[in-house]
Amino acid sequence: MKPATIDYVFWPAPVRRHSFREHLEAAQAGGFTSLAVAPEAYRQGRASGLSARDMVTMANDWGVVLRHLDTLTDWAPIRVPSEIDAGLRARFDVSADECFAICEALELETILAVAGYDKGAFPLDVLIDGFGRLCDRAAQNGLWVDLEFMPFWGLPDLASAWAIVSGAQRKNAGIMVDTWHFSKGRPDFELLRSLPGEQLVSVQVVDAMKTQRGATLFEDTVRYRKFPGEGELPVVEILTILQEKGHLRHIGPEVFSDEADALSPEAAGKRSGESLWRVLDAAGIPMN
């Protein structure tokens, strides 16, 4: 079985150098149903003279729903890791209060929570408590929270994310499976198959070469990702496992790369959509 509808999310990584309006242009060009909004994109939109209501209206005019906050790190005692570039610092170094205010202003429905601390910085009980409190606050506003793991920072793999999500035991929380992070860290397919589908409702679909291209794994992820199906990662296998669980609700590509940066917003959106549809078809995920 599958949900009645799947939300096809445009995570605007391939248009990270562009404006909010151009994020919408790319999302529409790719045939996506929703757009993720980062705190810095919201700030830039407001600084350009747009109100929150203007941004919602613009999205409606483009046929795209604003649905996801990308990202919130202020659930752990440290919200910015030591290895980070200026662009991601603007996304990460944001208070929970500001993030929730953005969610309210744009009528968002989900929050992507990310570990902004370095490996080994905090004991598990501190992280479970902080994540649980974030989920409780989100629940008061009707928001779902996905926790994303990344192999180069404090939450490196699926097992680490599951320890927090299962420990917190909140009904409005799950794990974001990014196919790049899953594959480049410790790809535990056995664990992925064993976890409850109710907490694996969101996936970011990204490809890459198996061999690291950047000087560090972090550089690899922000400069050398590939569009779905254009690399060597087991993207279709991961999607097939998640699809078989029957609870996928949010699917979308997130392609940070120098190659994507060189594309126009329309071209980046179209390539994001066309490459996504191909791997979804290969994984047996029917279109709405």
C-alpha atoms as a PDB file:
ATOM      1  CA  MET A   1       0.000   0.000   0.000  1.00  0.00           C
ATOM      2  CA  LYS A   2       0.998   3.651  -0.269  1.00  0.00           C
ATOM      3  CA  PRO A   3      -0.425   6.906   1.043  1.00  0.00           C
ATOM      4  CA  ALA A   4      -3.279   8.364  -0.995  1.00  0.00           C
ATOM      5  CA  THR A   5      -0.957  11.146  -2.123  1.00  0.00           C
ATOM      6  CA  ILE A   6       2.771  11.699  -2.007  1.00  0.00           C
ATOM      7  CA  ASP A   7       4.231  15.149  -1.540  1.00  0.00           C
ATOM      8  CA  TYR A   8       7.026  15.713  -4.062  1.00  0.00           C
ATOM      9  CA  VAL A   9       9.341  18.180  -2.334  1.00  0.00           C
ATOM     10  CA  PHE A  10      11.798  20.523  -3.983  1.00  0.00           C
ATOM     11  CA  TRP A  11      14.715  21.017  -1.611  1.00  0.00           C
ATOM     12  CA  PRO A  12      16.316  24.087  -3.223  1.00  0.00           C
ATOM     13  CA  ALA A  13      19.950  22.993  -2.976  1.00  0.00           C
ATOM     14  CA  PRO A  14      20.547  23.233  -6.753  1.00  0.00           C
ATOM     15  CA  VAL A  15      19.326  26.846  -6.732  1.00  0.00           C
ATOM     16  CA  ARG A  16      21.035  27.823  -3.469  1.00  0.00           C
ATOM     17  CA  ARG A  17      22.568  30.915  -5.125  1.00  0.00           C
ATOM     18  CA  HIS A  18      19.169  32.212  -6.237  1.00  0.00           C
ATOM     19  CA  SER A  19      16.235  34.121  -4.759  1.00  0.00           C
ATOM     20  CA  PHE A  20      13.034  32.794  -3.211  1.00  0.00           C
ATOM     21  CA  ARG A  21      11.128  33.598  -6.402  1.00  0.00           C
ATOM     22  CA  GLU A  22      13.619  31.534  -8.374  1.00  0.00           C
ATOM     23  CA  HIS A  23      13.232  28.671  -5.899  1.00  0.00           C
ATOM     24  CA  LEU A  24       9.542  28.699  -6.805  1.00  0.00           C
ATOM     25  CA  GLU A  25      10.356  28.858 -10.512  1.00  0.00           C
ATOM     26  CA  ALA A  26      12.563  25.770 -10.182  1.00  0.00           C
ATOM     27  CA  ALA A  27       9.965  23.879  -8.138  1.00  0.00           C
ATOM     28  CA  GLN A  28       7.265  24.563 -10.718  1.00  0.00           C
ATOM     29  CA  ALA A  29       9.553  23.679 -13.633  1.00  0.00           C
ATOM     30  CA  GLY A  30      10.278  20.300 -12.058  1.00  0.00           C
ATOM     31  CA  GLY A  31       6.645  19.477 -11.350  1.00  0.00           C
ATOM     32  CA  PHE A  32       7.056  19.466  -7.578  1.00  0.00           C
ATOM     33  CA  THR A  33       4.111  19.878  -5.233  1.00  0.00           C
ATOM     34  CA  SER A  34       5.904  21.648  -2.388  1.00  0.00           C
ATOM     35  CA  LEU A  35       8.961  23.718  -1.526  1.00  0.00           C
ATOM     36  CA  ALA A  36      11.241  23.566   1.500  1.00  0.00           C
ATOM     37  CA  VAL A  37      12.192  26.958   2.934  1.00  0.00           C
ATOM     38  CA  ALA A  38      15.426  27.546   4.813  1.00  0.00           C
ATOM     39  CA  PRO A  39      15.690  30.285   7.450  1.00  0.00           C
ATOM     40  CA  GLU A  40      18.133  32.266   5.291  1.00  0.00           C
ATOM     41  CA  ALA A  41      15.755  32.093   2.317  1.00  0.00           C
ATOM     42  CA  TYR A  42      12.981  33.469   4.507  1.00  0.00           C
ATOM     43  CA  ARG A  43      15.267  36.211   5.824  1.00  0.00           C
ATOM     44  CA  GLN A  44      16.368  37.145   2.305  1.00  0.00           C
ATOM     45  CA  GLY A  45      12.777  37.247   1.133  1.00  0.00           C
ATOM     46  CA  ARG A  46      11.784  39.558   3.956  1.00  0.00           C
ATOM     47  CA  ALA A  47      14.860  41.740   3.367  1.00  0.00           C
ATOM     48  CA  SER A  48      13.839  42.117  -0.292  1.00  0.00           C
ATOM     49  CA  GLY A  49      10.537  43.640   0.820  1.00  0.00           C
ATOM     50  CA  LEU A  50       8.306  40.573   0.825  1.00  0.00           C
ATOM     51  CA  SER A  51       5.995  39.879   3.736  1.00  0.00           C
ATOM     52  CA  ALA A  52       5.329  36.319   4.872  1.00  0.00           C
ATOM     53  CA  ARG A  53       1.877  36.582   3.293  1.00  0.00           C
ATOM     54  CA  ASP A  54       3.494  37.732   0.034  1.00  0.00           C
ATOM     55  CA  MET A  55       5.682  34.617   0.059  1.00  0.00           C
ATOM     56  CA  VAL A  56       2.705  32.304   0.628  1.00  0.00           C
ATOM     57  CA  THR A  57       0.724  34.056  -2.118  1.00  0.00           C
ATOM     58  CA  MET A  58       3.645  33.849  -4.551  1.00  0.00           C
ATOM     59  CA  ALA A  59       3.935  30.112  -3.887  1.00  0.00           C
ATOM     60  CA  ASN A  60       0.226  29.645  -4.538  1.00  0.00           C
ATOM     61  CA  ASP A  61       0.549  31.601  -7.772  1.00  0.00           C
ATOM     62  CA  TRP A  62       3.350  29.255  -8.869  1.00  0.00           C
ATOM     63  CA  GLY A  63       1.261  26.208  -7.932  1.00  0.00           C
ATOM     64  CA  VAL A  64       3.578  25.200  -5.107  1.00  0.00           C
ATOM     65  CA  VAL A  65       2.826  24.746  -1.396  1.00  0.00           C
ATOM     66  CA  LEU A  66       5.277  25.973   1.249  1.00  0.00           C
ATOM     67  CA  ARG A  67       5.377  22.976   3.581  1.00  0.00           C
ATOM     68  CA  HIS A  68       8.830  22.276   5.084  1.00  0.00           C
ATOM     69  CA  LEU A  69      11.347  24.141   7.252  1.00  0.00           C
ATOM     70  CA  ASP A  70      14.941  23.388   6.274  1.00  0.00           C
ATOM     71  CA  THR A  71      16.494  23.251   8.971  1.00  0.00           C
ATOM     72  CA  LEU A  72      16.481  23.486  12.787  1.00  0.00           C
ATOM     73  CA  THR A  73      19.557  22.619  14.873  1.00  0.00           C
ATOM     74  CA  ASP A  74      18.569  24.361  18.114  1.00  0.00           C
ATOM     75  CA  TRP A  75      17.376  21.179  19.843  1.00  0.00           C
ATOM     76  CA  ALA A  76      20.852  20.234  21.127  1.00  0.00           C
ATOM     77  CA  PRO A  77      23.152  22.430  23.263  1.00  0.00           C
ATOM     78  CA  ILE A  78      25.314  23.301  20.219  1.00  0.00           C
ATOM     79  CA  ARG A  79      23.685  24.217  16.915  1.00  0.00           C
ATOM     80  CA  VAL A  80      26.671  24.890  14.603  1.00  0.00           C
ATOM     81  CA  PRO A  81      29.387  22.273  13.915  1.00  0.00           C
ATOM     82  CA  SER A  82      33.052  23.246  13.639  1.00  0.00           C
ATOM     83  CA  GLU A  83      33.245  22.215   9.965  1.00  0.00           C
ATOM     84  CA  ILE A  84      30.754  24.361   8.095  1.00  0.00           C
ATOM     85  CA  ASP A  85      30.676  26.881   5.279  1.00  0.00           C
ATOM     86  CA  ALA A  86      29.161  30.355   5.440  1.00  0.00           C
ATOM     87  CA  GLY A  87      26.009  29.356   3.575  1.00  0.00           C
ATOM     88  CA  LEU A  88      25.134  26.543   5.932  1.00  0.00           C
ATOM     89  CA  ARG A  89      26.031  28.645   8.968  1.00  0.00           C
ATOM     90  CA  ALA A  90      23.224  31.017   7.974  1.00  0.00           C
ATOM     91  CA  ARG A  91      20.877  28.023   7.883  1.00  0.00           C
ATOM     92  CA  PHE A  92      22.087  26.419  11.118  1.00  0.00           C
ATOM     93  CA  ASP A  93      22.814  29.318  13.460  1.00  0.00           C
ATOM     94  CA  VAL A  94      19.142  30.094  14.045  1.00  0.00           C
ATOM     95  CA  SER A  95      17.211  29.887  17.296  1.00  0.00           C
ATOM     96  CA  ALA A  96      14.277  27.543  17.771  1.00  0.00           C
ATOM     97  CA  ASP A  97      12.116  30.598  18.489  1.00  0.00           C
ATOM     98  CA  GLU A  98      12.885  32.074  15.070  1.00  0.00           C
ATOM     99  CA  CYS A  99      12.341  28.726  13.360  1.00  0.00           C
ATOM    100  CA  PHE A 100       8.918  28.286  14.946  1.00  0.00           C
ATOM    101  CA  ALA A 101       8.027  31.873  14.042  1.00  0.00           C
ATOM    102  CA  ILE A 102       8.886  31.101  10.397  1.00  0.00           C
ATOM    103  CA  CYS A 103       6.763  27.952  10.513  1.00  0.00           C
ATOM    104  CA  GLU A 104       3.808  29.940  11.815  1.00  0.00           C
ATOM    105  CA  ALA A 105       4.249  32.811   9.364  1.00  0.00           C
ATOM    106  CA  LEU A 106       4.499  30.531   6.308  1.00  0.00           C
ATOM    107  CA  GLU A 107       2.013  27.935   7.589  1.00  0.00           C
ATOM    108  CA  LEU A 108       4.587  25.130   7.321  1.00  0.00           C
ATOM    109  CA  GLU A 109       3.845  21.545   8.315  1.00  0.00           C
ATOM    110  CA  THR A 110       7.195  19.841   8.918  1.00  0.00           C
ATOM    111  CA  ILE A 111      10.547  20.627  10.493  1.00  0.00           C
ATOM    112  CA  LEU A 112      13.840  19.060   9.430  1.00  0.00           C
ATOM    113  CA  ALA A 113      15.967  18.715  12.567  1.00  0.00           C
ATOM    114  CA  VAL A 114      19.715  18.356  12.031  1.00  0.00           C
ATOM    115  CA  ALA A 115      22.591  17.662  14.406  1.00  0.00           C
ATOM    116  CA  GLY A 116      24.707  20.803  14.494  1.00  0.00           C
ATOM    117  CA  TYR A 117      27.181  19.394  17.007  1.00  0.00           C
ATOM    118  CA  ASP A 118      30.387  17.428  16.462  1.00  0.00           C
ATOM    119  CA  LYS A 119      30.762  13.703  17.111  1.00  0.00           C
ATOM    120  CA  GLY A 120      30.870  12.725  20.759  1.00  0.00           C
ATOM    121  CA  ALA A 121      29.898  16.175  22.028  1.00  0.00           C
ATOM    122  CA  PHE A 122      26.943  15.020  24.168  1.00  0.00           C
ATOM    123  CA  PRO A 123      25.673  11.868  25.875  1.00  0.00           C
ATOM    124  CA  LEU A 124      22.628  10.156  24.407  1.00  0.00           C
ATOM    125  CA  ASP A 125      20.289  11.098  27.258  1.00  0.00           C
ATOM    126  CA  VAL A 126      20.924  14.814  26.659  1.00  0.00           C
ATOM    127  CA  LEU A 127      20.109  14.417  22.979  1.00  0.00           C
ATOM    128  CA  ILE A 128      16.963  12.383  23.608  1.00  0.00           C
ATOM    129  CA  ASP A 129      15.740  14.986  26.074  1.00  0.00           C
ATOM    130  CA  GLY A 130      16.438  17.892  23.709  1.00  0.00           C
ATOM    131  CA  PHE A 131      14.810  16.193  20.749  1.00  0.00           C
ATOM    132  CA  GLY A 132      11.793  15.208  22.826  1.00  0.00           C
ATOM    133  CA  ARG A 133      11.276  18.788  23.945  1.00  0.00           C
ATOM    134  CA  LEU A 134      11.515  19.971  20.327  1.00  0.00           C
ATOM    135  CA  CYS A 135       8.861  17.442  19.307  1.00  0.00           C
ATOM    136  CA  ASP A 136       6.586  18.516  22.158  1.00  0.00           C
ATOM    137  CA  ARG A 137       6.792  22.133  21.070  1.00  0.00           C
ATOM    138  CA  ALA A 138       6.198  21.120  17.457  1.00  0.00           C
ATOM    139  CA  ALA A 139       3.174  19.035  18.471  1.00  0.00           C
ATOM    140  CA  GLN A 140       1.580  22.102  20.052  1.00  0.00           C
ATOM    141  CA  ASN A 141       1.695  23.683  16.587  1.00  0.00           C
ATOM    142  CA  GLY A 142       0.619  20.571  14.659  1.00  0.00           C
ATOM    143  CA  LEU A 143       4.088  20.046  13.166  1.00  0.00           C
ATOM    144  CA  TRP A 144       5.897  16.840  12.233  1.00  0.00           C
ATOM    145  CA  VAL A 145       9.661  16.593  12.967  1.00  0.00           C
ATOM    146  CA  ASP A 146      12.130  14.554  10.901  1.00  0.00           C
ATOM    147  CA  LEU A 147      15.608  13.973  12.339  1.00  0.00           C
ATOM    148  CA  GLU A 148      18.360  13.793   9.717  1.00  0.00           C
ATOM    149  CA  PHE A 149      21.666  11.979  10.202  1.00  0.00           C
ATOM    150  CA  MET A 150      24.883  12.996   8.389  1.00  0.00           C
ATOM    151  CA  PRO A 151      28.098  10.929   8.419  1.00  0.00           C
ATOM    152  CA  PHE A 152      30.479  13.833   9.072  1.00  0.00           C
ATOM    153  CA  TRP A 153      28.885  15.410  12.195  1.00  0.00           C
ATOM    154  CA  GLY A 154      27.467  14.382  15.542  1.00  0.00           C
ATOM    155  CA  LEU A 155      24.658  12.140  14.271  1.00  0.00           C
ATOM    156  CA  PRO A 156      26.535   9.991  11.761  1.00  0.00           C
ATOM    157  CA  ASP A 157      24.199   7.174  10.803  1.00  0.00           C
ATOM    158  CA  LEU A 158      20.755   5.604  10.859  1.00  0.00           C
ATOM    159  CA  ALA A 159      21.428   3.753  14.111  1.00  0.00           C
ATOM    160  CA  SER A 160      22.358   6.993  15.899  1.00  0.00           C
ATOM    161  CA  ALA A 161      19.205   8.713  14.662  1.00  0.00           C
ATOM    162  CA  TRP A 162      17.030   5.770  15.645  1.00  0.00           C
ATOM    163  CA  ALA A 163      18.517   5.773  19.170  1.00  0.00           C
ATOM    164  CA  ILE A 164      17.236   9.330  19.618  1.00  0.00           C
ATOM    165  CA  VAL A 165      13.876   8.958  17.871  1.00  0.00           C
ATOM    166  CA  SER A 166      13.050   5.664  19.589  1.00  0.00           C
ATOM    167  CA  GLY A 167      14.290   7.016  22.903  1.00  0.00           C
ATOM    168  CA  ALA A 168      12.143  10.143  22.656  1.00  0.00           C
ATOM    169  CA  GLN A 169       9.003   8.116  21.821  1.00  0.00           C
ATOM    170  CA  ARG A 170       7.107  11.025  20.268  1.00  0.00           C
ATOM    171  CA  LYS A 171       4.258  10.356  17.855  1.00  0.00           C
ATOM    172  CA  ASN A 172       5.091  13.356  15.666  1.00  0.00           C
ATOM    173  CA  ALA A 173       8.689  12.343  14.930  1.00  0.00           C
ATOM    174  CA  GLY A 174      10.543  10.278  12.373  1.00  0.00           C
ATOM    175  CA  ILE A 175      13.838   9.986  10.525  1.00  0.00           C
ATOM    176  CA  MET A 176      14.735  11.715   7.270  1.00  0.00           C
ATOM    177  CA  VAL A 177      16.576   9.232   5.068  1.00  0.00           C
ATOM    178  CA  ASP A 178      18.911  11.091   2.731  1.00  0.00           C
ATOM    179  CA  THR A 179      20.226   8.512   0.257  1.00  0.00           C
ATOM    180  CA  TRP A 180      23.620  10.277   0.116  1.00  0.00           C
ATOM    181  CA  HIS A 181      24.086  10.341   3.884  1.00  0.00           C
ATOM    182  CA  PHE A 182      22.873   6.759   4.252  1.00  0.00           C
ATOM    183  CA  SER A 183      25.209   5.458   1.540  1.00  0.00           C
ATOM    184  CA  LYS A 184      28.307   7.479   2.396  1.00  0.00           C
ATOM    185  CA  GLY A 185      28.180   6.674   6.111  1.00  0.00           C
ATOM    186  CA  ARG A 186      27.441   3.189   7.421  1.00  0.00           C
ATOM    187  CA  PRO A 187      24.721   1.882   5.070  1.00  0.00           C
ATOM    188  CA  ASP A 188      22.871  -0.548   7.349  1.00  0.00           C
ATOM    189  CA  PHE A 189      20.236  -2.070   5.059  1.00  0.00           C
ATOM    190  CA  GLU A 190      19.231  -4.619   7.689  1.00  0.00           C
ATOM    191  CA  LEU A 191      18.371  -1.865  10.150  1.00  0.00           C
ATOM    192  CA  LEU A 192      16.580   0.147   7.459  1.00  0.00           C
ATOM    193  CA  ARG A 193      14.383  -2.862   6.671  1.00  0.00           C
ATOM    194  CA  SER A 194      13.614  -3.456  10.362  1.00  0.00           C
ATOM    195  CA  LEU A 195      12.488   0.043  11.388  1.00  0.00           C
ATOM    196  CA  PRO A 196       8.773   0.914  11.570  1.00  0.00           C
ATOM    197  CA  GLY A 197       7.491   2.545   8.415  1.00  0.00           C
ATOM    198  CA  GLU A 198       5.425   5.025  10.417  1.00  0.00           C
ATOM    199  CA  GLN A 199       8.677   6.798  11.310  1.00  0.00           C
ATOM    200  CA  LEU A 200      10.223   6.633   7.844  1.00  0.00           C
ATOM    201  CA  VAL A 201       7.892   8.900   5.920  1.00  0.00           C
ATOM    202  CA  SER A 202      10.425  11.257   4.325  1.00  0.00           C
ATOM    203  CA  VAL A 203      13.319  10.700   1.924  1.00  0.00           C
ATOM    204  CA  GLN A 204      15.763  13.004   0.157  1.00  0.00           C
ATOM    205  CA  VAL A 205      16.860  11.381  -3.081  1.00  0.00           C
ATOM    206  CA  VAL A 206      20.468  12.111  -3.991  1.00  0.00           C
ATOM    207  CA  ASP A 207      23.158  10.326  -5.961  1.00  0.00           C
ATOM    208  CA  ALA A 208      26.973  10.490  -6.094  1.00  0.00           C
ATOM    209  CA  MET A 209      30.055   8.594  -7.109  1.00  0.00           C
ATOM    210  CA  LYS A 210      31.152   6.006  -4.560  1.00  0.00           C
ATOM    211  CA  THR A 211      34.676   7.412  -4.433  1.00  0.00           C
ATOM    212  CA  GLN A 212      34.961  10.636  -2.419  1.00  0.00           C
ATOM    213  CA  ARG A 213      35.689  13.594  -4.678  1.00  0.00           C
ATOM    214  CA  GLY A 214      36.198  16.425  -2.188  1.00  0.00           C
ATOM    215  CA  ALA A 215      39.109  16.806   0.193  1.00  0.00           C
ATOM    216  CA  THR A 216      36.673  15.958   3.001  1.00  0.00           C
ATOM    217  CA  LEU A 217      33.344  14.162   3.152  1.00  0.00           C
ATOM    218  CA  PHE A 218      31.704  17.516   3.918  1.00  0.00           C
ATOM    219  CA  GLU A 219      33.175  19.064   0.757  1.00  0.00           C
ATOM    220  CA  ASP A 220      31.979  16.024  -1.160  1.00  0.00           C
ATOM    221  CA  THR A 221      28.394  16.573  -0.039  1.00  0.00           C
ATOM    222  CA  VAL A 222      28.227  20.316  -0.732  1.00  0.00           C
ATOM    223  CA  ARG A 223      30.042  20.291  -4.100  1.00  0.00           C
ATOM    224  CA  TYR A 224      29.806  16.902  -5.768  1.00  0.00           C
ATOM    225  CA  ARG A 225      26.346  15.431  -5.276  1.00  0.00           C
ATOM    226  CA  LYS A 226      24.637  14.143  -8.418  1.00  0.00           C
ATOM    227  CA  PHE A 227      21.049  14.140  -9.582  1.00  0.00           C
ATOM    228  CA  PRO A 228      19.139  10.915  -8.846  1.00  0.00           C
ATOM    229  CA  GLY A 229      20.188   8.023 -11.077  1.00  0.00           C
ATOM    230  CA  GLU A 230      23.281   9.834 -12.391  1.00  0.00           C
ATOM    231  CA  GLY A 231      25.751   8.320  -9.940  1.00  0.00           C
ATOM    232  CA  GLU A 232      26.702   5.019  -8.349  1.00  0.00           C
ATOM    233  CA  LEU A 233      24.755   4.938  -5.063  1.00  0.00           C
ATOM    234  CA  PRO A 234      22.062   2.304  -4.336  1.00  0.00           C
ATOM    235  CA  VAL A 235      19.307   4.895  -4.633  1.00  0.00           C
ATOM    236  CA  VAL A 236      16.699   2.574  -6.141  1.00  0.00           C
ATOM    237  CA  GLU A 237      17.341  -0.123  -3.515  1.00  0.00           C
ATOM    238  CA  ILE A 238      16.852   2.368  -0.673  1.00  0.00           C
ATOM    239  CA  LEU A 239      13.674   3.737  -2.246  1.00  0.00           C
ATOM    240  CA  THR A 240      12.308   0.241  -2.805  1.00  0.00           C
ATOM    241  CA  ILE A 241      12.770  -0.656   0.860  1.00  0.00           C
ATOM    242  CA  LEU A 242      11.027   2.525   1.990  1.00  0.00           C
ATOM    243  CA  GLN A 243       8.209   2.109  -0.524  1.00  0.00           C
ATOM    244  CA  GLU A 244       7.526  -1.430   0.667  1.00  0.00           C
ATOM    245  CA  LYS A 245       6.885  -0.109   4.177  1.00  0.00           C
ATOM    246  CA  GLY A 246       3.872   1.744   2.799  1.00  0.00           C
ATOM    247  CA  HIS A 247       4.207   5.065   4.648  1.00  0.00           C
ATOM    248  CA  LEU A 248       6.215   7.376   2.378  1.00  0.00           C
ATOM    249  CA  ARG A 249       4.685  10.865   2.347  1.00  0.00           C
ATOM    250  CA  HIS A 250       7.473  13.253   1.333  1.00  0.00           C
ATOM    251  CA  ILE A 251       9.956  12.538  -1.470  1.00  0.00           C
ATOM    252  CA  GLY A 252      12.355  14.978  -3.107  1.00  0.00           C
ATOM    253  CA  PRO A 253      15.873  15.541  -4.421  1.00  0.00           C
ATOM    254  CA  GLU A 254      18.458  17.736  -2.688  1.00  0.00           C
ATOM    255  CA  VAL A 255      21.379  18.215  -5.060  1.00  0.00           C
ATOM    256  CA  PHE A 256      24.163  20.424  -3.745  1.00  0.00           C
ATOM    257  CA  SER A 257      26.810  20.592  -6.458  1.00  0.00           C
ATOM    258  CA  ASP A 258      29.029  22.898  -8.473  1.00  0.00           C
ATOM    259  CA  GLU A 259      27.403  21.451 -11.592  1.00  0.00           C
ATOM    260  CA  ALA A 260      23.913  22.337 -10.379  1.00  0.00           C
ATOM    261  CA  ASP A 261      25.058  25.837  -9.407  1.00  0.00           C
ATOM    262  CA  ALA A 262      25.838  26.520 -13.073  1.00  0.00           C
ATOM    263  CA  LEU A 263      22.263  25.760 -14.195  1.00  0.00           C
ATOM    264  CA  SER A 264      19.445  28.280 -14.515  1.00  0.00           C
ATOM    265  CA  PRO A 265      16.622  27.860 -11.966  1.00  0.00           C
ATOM    266  CA  GLU A 266      14.337  26.448 -14.659  1.00  0.00           C
ATOM    267  CA  ALA A 267      16.953  23.963 -15.869  1.00  0.00           C
ATOM    268  CA  ALA A 268      17.839  22.921 -12.313  1.00  0.00           C
ATOM    269  CA  GLY A 269      14.188  22.335 -11.492  1.00  0.00           C
ATOM    270  CA  LYS A 270      13.519  20.334 -14.653  1.00  0.00           C
ATOM    271  CA  ARG A 271      16.579  18.153 -14.187  1.00  0.00           C
ATOM    272  CA  SER A 272      15.682  17.580 -10.536  1.00  0.00           C
ATOM    273  CA  GLY A 273      12.188  16.475 -11.478  1.00  0.00           C
ATOM    274  CA  GLU A 274      13.054  14.360 -14.508  1.00  0.00           C
ATOM    275  CA  SER A 275      15.846  12.505 -12.711  1.00  0.00           C
ATOM    276  CA  LEU A 276      13.628  11.903  -9.680  1.00  0.00           C
ATOM    277  CA  TRP A 277      10.751  10.502 -11.745  1.00  0.00           C
ATOM    278  CA  ARG A 278      13.108   8.011 -13.400  1.00  0.00           C
ATOM    279  CA  VAL A 279      14.392   6.499 -10.133  1.00  0.00           C
ATOM    280  CA  LEU A 280      10.909   6.480  -8.594  1.00  0.00           C
ATOM    281  CA  ASP A 281       9.674   4.514 -11.580  1.00  0.00           C
ATOM    282  CA  ALA A 282      12.572   2.078 -11.201  1.00  0.00           C
ATOM    283  CA  ALA A 283      11.694   1.647  -7.511  1.00  0.00           C
ATOM    284  CA  GLY A 284       8.029   0.951  -8.311  1.00  0.00           C
ATOM    285  CA  ILE A 285       6.762   4.130  -6.680  1.00  0.00           C
ATOM    286  CA  PRO A 286       3.668   5.195  -8.635  1.00  0.00           C
ATOM    287  CA  MET A 287       3.061   8.848  -9.370  1.00  0.00           C
ATOM    288  CA  ASN A 288       0.032  10.590  -7.879  1.00  0.00           C
END
